[in-house]
Amino acid sequence: MTKEEYMEKRKGLVDSAQALIDGGKLKEAADKTEEIKELDDKFDAESKAQANLNALSGTPKIVDISTAGKPVAGTTVASTATPQGPVDVYDSDEYRKAFMDYTLRGKAFPANLRDAAESTTTPDVGAVIPTTIAQRIVEKMESIGMILPLVTHTAYKGGVSIPTGTVKPVATWVAEGAGSDTQKKTTGNITFGYYKLRCAISLSLETSVVTLGFFETTFVNSVSEAMVKAQEQTIISGTGSGQPKGILTETAPDGQNVDVTAAGKIDYSTLVDAEAALPLAYENGAVWFMTKKTFMKFIGMVDSAKQPIARVNYGINGAPERTLLGRRVVLNDYMPSYADTVTSDTVVAFLFRPEDYILNTNYAVTIKRYEDNNTDDQVTKAIMLVDGKVVDKNSLVTVTKLATA
């Protein structure tokens, strides 16, 4: 098929898939996505076959080794050059500059770059983010986030059910020649859906004079910070409706909540009770989550041996490392801080093993560009599809400040 036929057919499939997602028909949308992938694979195979044929149909080069590799008629030698891997067009300076011109000024891509862009994305997507920028966004998201690097990251297809075990088999000692009872392994499942995370950035007309490096730095910083905050917020307290479900949206298992009475305060016994409620099987890897203001409430507290229960050490890189009774503390601004008086029962701290939370990215960061007619600003929006859930809540221990006695 021709490129025009391929792009037209692909656009129709993408529009249909988007309509199904908007209508909540996720299974049908997943099937439509498979059709798009099959179409892409077919077109890619045809394009490679045509390129190979074009290469073979050309005139072979004649090389004379006596003239240092300069082509002359009448002599042929085999090339001794080391084969090079495929060139990433999206990481070239030419593509990066064209990408900046497209985003800031709306200039069309050169023909040689437009073909590469059109073969990997839909007409609805303005341009593929250059490889260098995409890699820096991921690196920045991991480096500035305090929670995002701790959870488990996956890329399962949306709508697929992931099995989870609820009961572990038990081994028993038996006498010689004796057998043991068979045991049933109970499994459940977790299904990841599609939740769209969107970040729009407005660039005034004056930014058209910026340099490539400054543009990339500004774009990376703006997108990464906004995306990190949104994802970390939902990891902690996401409602599960229109966004991933957060850790605190789950109900702690029986016996794994420690109450601080309305008239009481958090103290040494609060930590001891929470540690006692944490199952031994989840001891390794569980960390404290709380705000910095809550953590500072423990500074100065001592145990019965007059040893401080809260410590702030400094690692090799000089960054503070906070612990409570020897357990690591991860600070965040995505949950309420402790207060002596609250209007409703509030979780002010919790223990949890972060690897038991899965953040599933179904669609990587892609951008579109449009103009705000009211301000003439050029708006660039970044979009990704994300879902997340707690897959094992048995490591969750909450500390709740009660509003009433």
Protein backbone atom coordinates (compact mmCIF):
# COMPACT_ATOMS: atom_id res chain seq x y z
CA MET A 1 0.00 0.00 0.00
CA THR A 2 1.13 3.61 -0.48
CA LYS A 3 2.06 5.85 2.41
CA GLU A 4 -1.05 7.95 1.86
CA GLU A 5 -3.31 4.88 1.99
CA TYR A 6 -1.56 3.67 5.13
CA MET A 7 -1.87 7.01 6.94
CA GLU A 8 -5.54 7.38 5.99
CA LYS A 9 -6.41 3.87 7.18
CA ARG A 10 -4.37 4.29 10.38
CA LYS A 11 -6.08 7.58 11.20
CA GLY A 12 -9.47 5.93 10.85
CA LEU A 13 -8.46 3.12 13.24
CA VAL A 14 -7.03 5.56 15.80
CA ASP A 15 -10.19 7.68 15.69
CA SER A 16 -12.30 4.57 16.22
CA ALA A 17 -10.14 3.45 19.16
CA GLN A 18 -10.37 6.88 20.77
CA ALA A 19 -14.15 6.88 20.40
CA LEU A 20 -14.33 3.45 22.07
CA ILE A 21 -12.14 4.63 24.97
CA ASP A 22 -14.26 7.75 25.41
CA GLY A 23 -17.33 5.52 25.44
CA GLY A 24 -15.86 3.25 28.11
CA LYS A 25 -15.60 0.25 25.76
CA LEU A 26 -12.08 -0.73 26.79
CA LYS A 27 -12.11 -4.29 25.43
CA GLU A 28 -13.22 -3.11 21.99
CA ALA A 29 -10.60 -0.34 22.15
CA ALA A 30 -7.91 -2.91 22.94
CA ASP A 31 -8.95 -4.97 19.90
CA LYS A 32 -8.81 -1.86 17.74
CA THR A 33 -5.32 -1.12 19.09
CA GLU A 34 -4.21 -4.58 17.97
CA GLU A 35 -5.48 -3.76 14.46
CA ILE A 36 -3.35 -0.61 14.47
CA LYS A 37 -0.26 -2.58 15.50
CA GLU A 38 -0.89 -5.17 12.78
CA LEU A 39 -1.27 -2.40 10.21
CA ASP A 40 1.97 -0.77 11.40
CA ASP A 41 3.85 -4.08 11.21
CA LYS A 42 2.54 -4.76 7.71
CA PHE A 43 3.45 -1.31 6.42
CA ASP A 44 6.87 -1.50 8.09
CA ALA A 45 7.57 -4.86 6.47
CA GLU A 46 6.50 -3.59 3.06
CA SER A 47 8.64 -0.47 3.43
CA LYS A 48 11.72 -2.51 4.39
CA ALA A 49 11.19 -4.90 1.51
CA GLN A 50 10.89 -2.00 -0.94
CA ALA A 51 14.01 -0.33 0.49
CA ASN A 52 16.02 -3.55 0.17
CA LEU A 53 14.89 -3.97 -3.42
CA ASN A 54 15.82 -0.39 -4.24
CA ALA A 55 19.27 -0.92 -2.74
CA LEU A 56 19.89 -4.07 -4.79
CA SER A 57 18.73 -2.46 -8.02
CA GLY A 58 21.35 0.29 -7.82
CA THR A 59 24.73 0.30 -9.60
CA PRO A 60 27.43 -1.52 -7.53
CA LYS A 61 30.39 0.53 -6.38
CA ILE A 62 33.83 -0.28 -7.91
CA VAL A 63 36.75 0.09 -5.55
CA ASP A 64 40.51 0.03 -6.26
CA ILE A 65 42.50 -0.75 -3.11
CA SER A 66 45.61 0.89 -4.62
CA THR A 67 43.93 4.29 -4.54
CA ALA A 68 42.99 4.26 -0.83
CA GLY A 69 39.43 3.23 -1.40
CA LYS A 70 38.53 5.72 -4.16
CA PRO A 71 35.96 4.23 -6.60
CA VAL A 72 37.42 3.50 -10.06
CA ALA A 73 36.19 1.37 -12.91
CA GLY A 74 37.36 -2.19 -13.40
CA THR A 75 38.16 -3.26 -9.82
CA THR A 76 35.95 -4.61 -7.04
CA VAL A 77 36.77 -5.32 -3.40
CA ALA A 78 34.68 -6.34 -0.43
CA SER A 79 34.00 -3.60 2.08
CA THR A 80 35.92 -3.96 5.36
CA ALA A 81 33.96 -1.23 7.16
CA THR A 82 32.39 -2.21 10.45
CA PRO A 83 28.60 -2.44 10.04
CA GLN A 84 26.79 0.27 11.93
CA GLY A 85 23.54 -0.18 13.85
CA PRO A 86 20.33 1.56 12.87
CA VAL A 87 20.47 5.34 13.11
CA ASP A 88 17.99 6.91 15.54
CA VAL A 89 16.66 9.83 13.50
CA TYR A 90 14.87 11.23 16.57
CA ASP A 91 18.20 11.72 18.37
CA SER A 92 19.82 13.73 15.57
CA ASP A 93 20.49 17.45 15.91
CA GLU A 94 18.53 18.04 12.72
CA TYR A 95 15.40 16.40 14.11
CA ARG A 96 15.72 18.11 17.50
CA LYS A 97 15.99 21.53 15.87
CA ALA A 98 13.06 20.76 13.59
CA PHE A 99 11.08 19.62 16.63
CA MET A 100 11.79 22.92 18.41
CA ASP A 101 10.77 24.90 15.31
CA TYR A 102 7.55 22.90 15.06
CA THR A 103 6.66 23.34 18.74
CA LEU A 104 7.54 27.03 19.02
CA ARG A 105 6.87 28.37 15.56
CA GLY A 106 4.63 25.83 13.86
CA LYS A 107 7.11 25.27 11.03
CA ALA A 108 6.56 22.09 9.04
CA PHE A 109 9.07 19.25 9.29
CA PRO A 110 11.53 18.81 6.38
CA ALA A 111 10.48 16.05 3.97
CA ASN A 112 13.20 13.62 5.04
CA LEU A 113 12.21 13.99 8.71
CA ARG A 114 8.47 14.08 8.07
CA ASP A 115 8.55 10.59 6.56
CA ALA A 116 10.22 9.22 9.70
CA ALA A 117 7.75 10.96 11.95
CA GLU A 118 4.71 9.81 9.98
CA SER A 119 5.78 6.17 10.02
CA THR A 120 5.73 6.03 13.81
CA THR A 121 2.80 8.20 14.85
CA THR A 122 -0.65 9.30 13.77
CA PRO A 123 -1.61 12.54 12.04
CA ASP A 124 -3.36 13.57 15.26
CA VAL A 125 -0.02 13.65 17.09
CA GLY A 126 1.97 16.69 16.07
CA ALA A 127 5.45 15.19 16.44
CA VAL A 128 7.28 12.41 18.17
CA ILE A 129 9.30 13.76 21.09
CA PRO A 130 13.01 13.53 20.14
CA THR A 131 14.82 10.62 21.76
CA THR A 132 17.12 12.89 23.77
CA ILE A 133 14.20 14.81 25.28
CA ALA A 134 12.18 11.68 25.99
CA GLN A 135 15.12 10.05 27.77
CA ARG A 136 15.77 13.16 29.82
CA ILE A 137 12.12 13.36 30.85
CA VAL A 138 12.23 9.82 32.20
CA GLU A 139 15.54 10.45 33.96
CA LYS A 140 14.26 13.66 35.49
CA MET A 141 11.04 12.02 36.67
CA GLU A 142 13.02 9.38 38.53
CA SER A 143 15.54 11.78 40.05
CA ILE A 144 13.24 14.45 41.47
CA GLY A 145 10.49 12.11 42.71
CA MET A 146 10.81 10.62 46.21
CA ILE A 147 8.02 8.08 45.75
CA LEU A 148 7.89 7.31 42.01
CA PRO A 149 11.23 5.42 41.92
CA LEU A 150 10.15 3.17 44.81
CA VAL A 151 7.00 1.61 43.33
CA THR A 152 6.91 -1.20 40.77
CA HIS A 153 6.68 -0.01 37.15
CA THR A 154 5.02 -2.10 34.44
CA ALA A 155 3.73 -1.63 30.89
CA TYR A 156 0.85 -4.10 30.64
CA LYS A 157 -1.74 -3.65 27.96
CA GLY A 158 -4.89 -1.95 29.25
CA GLY A 159 -7.80 -4.26 29.99
CA VAL A 160 -5.59 -7.31 30.64
CA SER A 161 -6.22 -9.14 33.93
CA ILE A 162 -3.06 -9.88 35.93
CA PRO A 163 -3.40 -12.93 38.23
CA THR A 164 -2.51 -12.56 41.91
CA GLY A 165 -2.15 -15.29 44.52
CA THR A 166 -4.08 -15.07 47.79
CA VAL A 167 -3.01 -18.29 49.53
CA LYS A 168 0.46 -19.82 49.74
CA PRO A 169 0.84 -23.62 49.91
CA VAL A 170 2.21 -25.13 53.13
CA ALA A 171 4.94 -27.81 53.20
CA THR A 172 4.58 -30.59 55.79
CA TRP A 173 6.97 -33.19 57.18
CA VAL A 174 5.91 -36.78 56.37
CA ALA A 175 7.14 -40.24 57.23
CA GLU A 176 8.94 -42.47 54.76
CA GLY A 177 6.58 -43.66 52.03
CA ALA A 178 3.80 -41.33 53.17
CA GLY A 179 2.17 -38.59 51.12
CA SER A 180 0.64 -35.23 51.96
CA ASP A 181 -2.68 -33.56 51.26
CA THR A 182 -3.04 -31.64 48.01
CA GLN A 183 -3.68 -27.95 48.45
CA LYS A 184 -5.71 -25.55 46.41
CA LYS A 185 -4.01 -22.40 45.20
CA THR A 186 -6.50 -19.52 45.17
CA THR A 187 -5.87 -16.73 42.69
CA GLY A 188 -7.50 -13.41 41.99
CA ASN A 189 -6.78 -10.83 39.33
CA ILE A 190 -6.07 -7.15 38.86
CA THR A 191 -7.11 -5.31 35.72
CA PHE A 192 -5.41 -2.09 34.61
CA GLY A 193 -7.46 0.44 32.67
CA TYR A 194 -6.78 3.67 30.83
CA TYR A 195 -6.46 6.96 32.71
CA LYS A 196 -5.22 9.95 30.75
CA LEU A 197 -2.66 12.24 32.38
CA ARG A 198 -2.43 15.58 30.59
CA CYS A 199 -0.05 18.50 31.04
CA ALA A 200 -0.46 21.65 28.92
CA ILE A 201 2.36 24.21 28.65
CA SER A 202 1.80 27.69 27.25
CA LEU A 203 4.71 29.34 25.44
CA SER A 204 4.43 33.02 24.53
CA LEU A 205 5.45 34.32 21.14
CA GLU A 206 8.62 35.79 22.65
CA THR A 207 10.02 32.32 23.22
CA SER A 208 10.59 31.96 19.50
CA VAL A 209 14.07 33.40 20.00
CA VAL A 210 15.24 30.81 22.53
CA THR A 211 18.03 28.38 21.74
CA LEU A 212 17.60 24.64 21.33
CA GLY A 213 19.29 23.79 24.63
CA PHE A 214 17.23 26.28 26.61
CA PHE A 215 14.01 25.08 25.00
CA GLU A 216 14.76 21.43 25.80
CA THR A 217 15.68 22.25 29.41
CA THR A 218 12.52 24.30 29.95
CA PHE A 219 10.32 21.68 28.30
CA VAL A 220 11.86 18.83 30.31
CA ASN A 221 11.64 20.65 33.64
CA SER A 222 8.04 21.73 33.13
CA VAL A 223 6.72 18.39 31.93
CA SER A 224 8.68 16.23 34.37
CA GLU A 225 7.76 18.20 37.48
CA ALA A 226 4.06 18.29 36.60
CA MET A 227 3.94 14.60 35.65
CA VAL A 228 5.83 13.52 38.78
CA LYS A 229 3.58 15.47 41.13
CA ALA A 230 0.41 14.14 39.51
CA GLN A 231 1.58 10.52 39.61
CA GLU A 232 2.95 10.66 43.15
CA GLN A 233 -0.21 12.34 44.41
CA THR A 234 -2.37 9.58 42.98
CA ILE A 235 -0.04 6.86 44.30
CA ILE A 236 -0.71 8.16 47.82
CA SER A 237 -4.35 9.25 47.67
CA GLY A 238 -5.78 8.56 44.20
CA THR A 239 -9.53 7.92 44.24
CA GLY A 240 -9.57 5.20 41.58
CA SER A 241 -12.29 7.10 39.69
CA GLY A 242 -10.86 8.78 36.59
CA GLN A 243 -7.36 8.24 38.01
CA PRO A 244 -5.28 5.43 39.55
CA LYS A 245 -6.22 4.16 43.01
CA GLY A 246 -3.93 5.29 45.81
CA ILE A 247 -2.51 3.47 48.81
CA LEU A 248 -4.60 5.38 51.36
CA THR A 249 -7.77 4.59 49.44
CA GLU A 250 -7.27 0.97 50.52
CA THR A 251 -8.51 -0.19 53.92
CA ALA A 252 -5.75 -1.54 56.15
CA PRO A 253 -6.17 -5.21 57.15
CA ASP A 254 -7.76 -5.97 60.51
CA GLY A 255 -5.50 -5.08 63.41
CA GLN A 256 -3.19 -2.94 61.26
CA ASN A 257 -4.45 0.51 62.22
CA VAL A 258 -3.18 2.50 65.21
CA ASP A 259 -5.48 5.20 66.57
CA VAL A 260 -4.31 8.39 68.26
CA THR A 261 -7.16 9.60 70.43
CA ALA A 262 -8.60 13.09 70.09
CA ALA A 263 -7.03 14.11 73.41
CA GLY A 264 -3.80 12.17 72.85
CA LYS A 265 -0.62 12.85 70.88
CA ILE A 266 1.73 10.75 68.78
CA ASP A 267 4.54 9.39 70.90
CA TYR A 268 6.95 6.49 71.31
CA SER A 269 4.14 4.01 71.97
CA THR A 270 2.49 5.01 68.67
CA LEU A 271 5.53 3.80 66.74
CA VAL A 272 5.85 0.65 68.83
CA ASP A 273 2.20 -0.26 68.22
CA ALA A 274 2.58 0.35 64.49
CA GLU A 275 5.72 -1.79 64.29
CA ALA A 276 3.94 -4.54 66.20
CA ALA A 277 1.02 -4.43 63.74
CA LEU A 278 3.34 -4.89 60.73
CA PRO A 279 3.41 -8.60 59.78
CA LEU A 280 6.85 -10.16 60.06
CA ALA A 281 6.66 -11.36 56.44
CA TYR A 282 6.57 -7.72 55.30
CA GLU A 283 9.25 -6.47 57.67
CA ASN A 284 11.87 -6.24 54.92
CA GLY A 285 11.15 -3.36 52.55
CA ALA A 286 8.41 -1.56 54.50
CA VAL A 287 9.04 2.18 55.02
CA TRP A 288 7.29 5.05 56.78
CA PHE A 289 5.37 7.62 54.71
CA MET A 290 4.54 11.00 56.27
CA THR A 291 5.03 14.73 55.78
CA LYS A 292 8.13 16.50 57.01
CA LYS A 293 6.03 18.38 59.57
CA THR A 294 4.78 15.08 61.02
CA PHE A 295 8.30 13.62 61.15
CA MET A 296 9.58 16.63 63.08
CA LYS A 297 7.07 15.83 65.82
CA PHE A 298 9.24 12.80 66.68
CA ILE A 299 12.49 14.76 66.88
CA GLY A 300 13.57 14.93 70.51
CA MET A 301 11.54 11.90 71.62
CA VAL A 302 13.48 9.17 73.44
CA ASP A 303 12.77 5.58 74.43
CA SER A 304 12.99 4.09 77.94
CA ALA A 305 16.78 3.94 77.58
CA LYS A 306 16.89 7.63 76.65
CA GLN A 307 17.86 6.81 73.08
CA PRO A 308 16.39 9.08 70.36
CA ILE A 309 13.73 7.35 68.27
CA ALA A 310 14.06 9.73 65.33
CA ARG A 311 17.39 10.19 63.61
CA VAL A 312 18.60 12.28 60.70
CA ASN A 313 21.87 11.02 59.24
CA TYR A 314 23.76 12.26 56.22
CA GLY A 315 24.86 9.92 53.48
CA ILE A 316 27.95 10.09 51.30
CA ASN A 317 26.27 12.59 48.97
CA GLY A 318 25.25 14.80 51.89
CA ALA A 319 21.53 14.13 51.52
CA PRO A 320 19.65 13.62 54.80
CA GLU A 321 18.51 10.07 55.60
CA ARG A 322 15.63 9.99 58.09
CA THR A 323 14.70 7.00 60.24
CA LEU A 324 12.21 6.13 62.99
CA LEU A 325 13.31 3.27 65.23
CA GLY A 326 15.79 2.38 62.50
CA ARG A 327 13.17 2.25 59.72
CA ARG A 328 13.50 4.53 56.70
CA VAL A 329 11.12 7.50 56.41
CA VAL A 330 9.96 8.75 52.98
CA LEU A 331 8.67 12.30 53.19
CA ASN A 332 5.96 13.67 50.93
CA ASP A 333 3.54 16.58 50.62
CA TYR A 334 0.64 14.51 49.33
CA MET A 335 -1.05 13.69 52.65
CA PRO A 336 -2.18 15.64 55.75
CA SER A 337 0.29 16.52 58.49
CA TYR A 338 -0.32 15.61 62.12
CA ALA A 339 -2.31 18.13 64.15
CA ASP A 340 -3.48 17.92 67.76
CA THR A 341 -7.03 18.72 66.60
CA VAL A 342 -8.65 17.49 63.38
CA THR A 343 -12.18 17.88 62.03
CA SER A 344 -12.40 14.27 60.84
CA ASP A 345 -10.46 11.04 61.35
CA THR A 346 -7.21 11.53 59.43
CA VAL A 347 -4.39 9.17 58.45
CA VAL A 348 -1.24 11.12 59.34
CA ALA A 349 1.37 8.40 58.70
CA PHE A 350 1.53 4.86 57.38
CA LEU A 351 3.86 1.92 56.90
CA PHE A 352 3.90 0.27 53.48
CA ARG A 353 6.17 -1.75 51.22
CA PRO A 354 6.22 0.44 48.06
CA GLU A 355 7.06 -2.44 45.72
CA ASP A 356 3.53 -3.75 46.43
CA TYR A 357 2.12 -0.82 44.42
CA ILE A 358 2.16 -1.22 40.62
CA LEU A 359 2.14 1.83 38.36
CA ASN A 360 1.24 0.71 34.85
CA THR A 361 2.10 2.97 31.91
CA ASN A 362 0.07 1.99 28.87
CA TYR A 363 0.90 4.91 26.58
CA ALA A 364 4.19 6.82 26.71
CA VAL A 365 4.44 10.59 26.74
CA THR A 366 3.30 12.11 23.43
CA ILE A 367 2.72 15.76 22.59
CA LYS A 368 0.28 17.84 20.56
CA ARG A 369 0.39 21.54 19.81
CA TYR A 370 -2.31 24.16 19.32
CA GLU A 371 -2.75 27.94 19.51
CA ASP A 372 -4.76 29.75 22.15
CA ASN A 373 -6.78 32.22 20.08
CA ASN A 374 -7.38 34.49 23.09
CA THR A 375 -3.72 35.04 23.91
CA ASP A 376 -1.92 33.90 20.73
CA ASP A 377 0.22 31.69 22.95
CA GLN A 378 1.44 28.40 21.55
CA VAL A 379 0.20 25.63 23.86
CA THR A 380 2.04 22.31 23.94
CA LYS A 381 0.33 19.49 25.82
CA ALA A 382 1.89 16.22 26.94
CA ILE A 383 -0.34 13.15 27.31
CA MET A 384 0.19 9.69 28.75
CA LEU A 385 -2.08 6.81 29.81
CA VAL A 386 -1.43 5.53 33.34
CA ASP A 387 -3.11 3.28 35.90
CA GLY A 388 -1.99 2.08 39.31
CA LYS A 389 -3.16 -0.17 42.13
CA VAL A 390 -2.02 -1.79 45.35
CA VAL A 391 -1.48 -5.48 44.56
CA ASP A 392 -0.81 -6.57 48.15
CA LYS A 393 -2.08 -4.41 51.01
CA ASN A 394 -0.90 -6.68 53.82
CA SER A 395 2.11 -4.41 54.45
CA LEU A 396 -0.16 -1.40 55.05
CA VAL A 397 -0.26 -0.12 58.64
CA THR A 398 -1.97 3.24 59.19
CA VAL A 399 -1.72 5.77 62.03
CA THR A 400 -5.03 7.64 62.37
CA LYS A 401 -5.66 10.80 64.39
CA LEU A 402 -9.24 10.67 65.68
CA ALA A 403 -11.49 13.72 65.63
CA THR A 404 -13.64 12.67 68.58
CA ALA A 405 -13.17 10.49 71.62
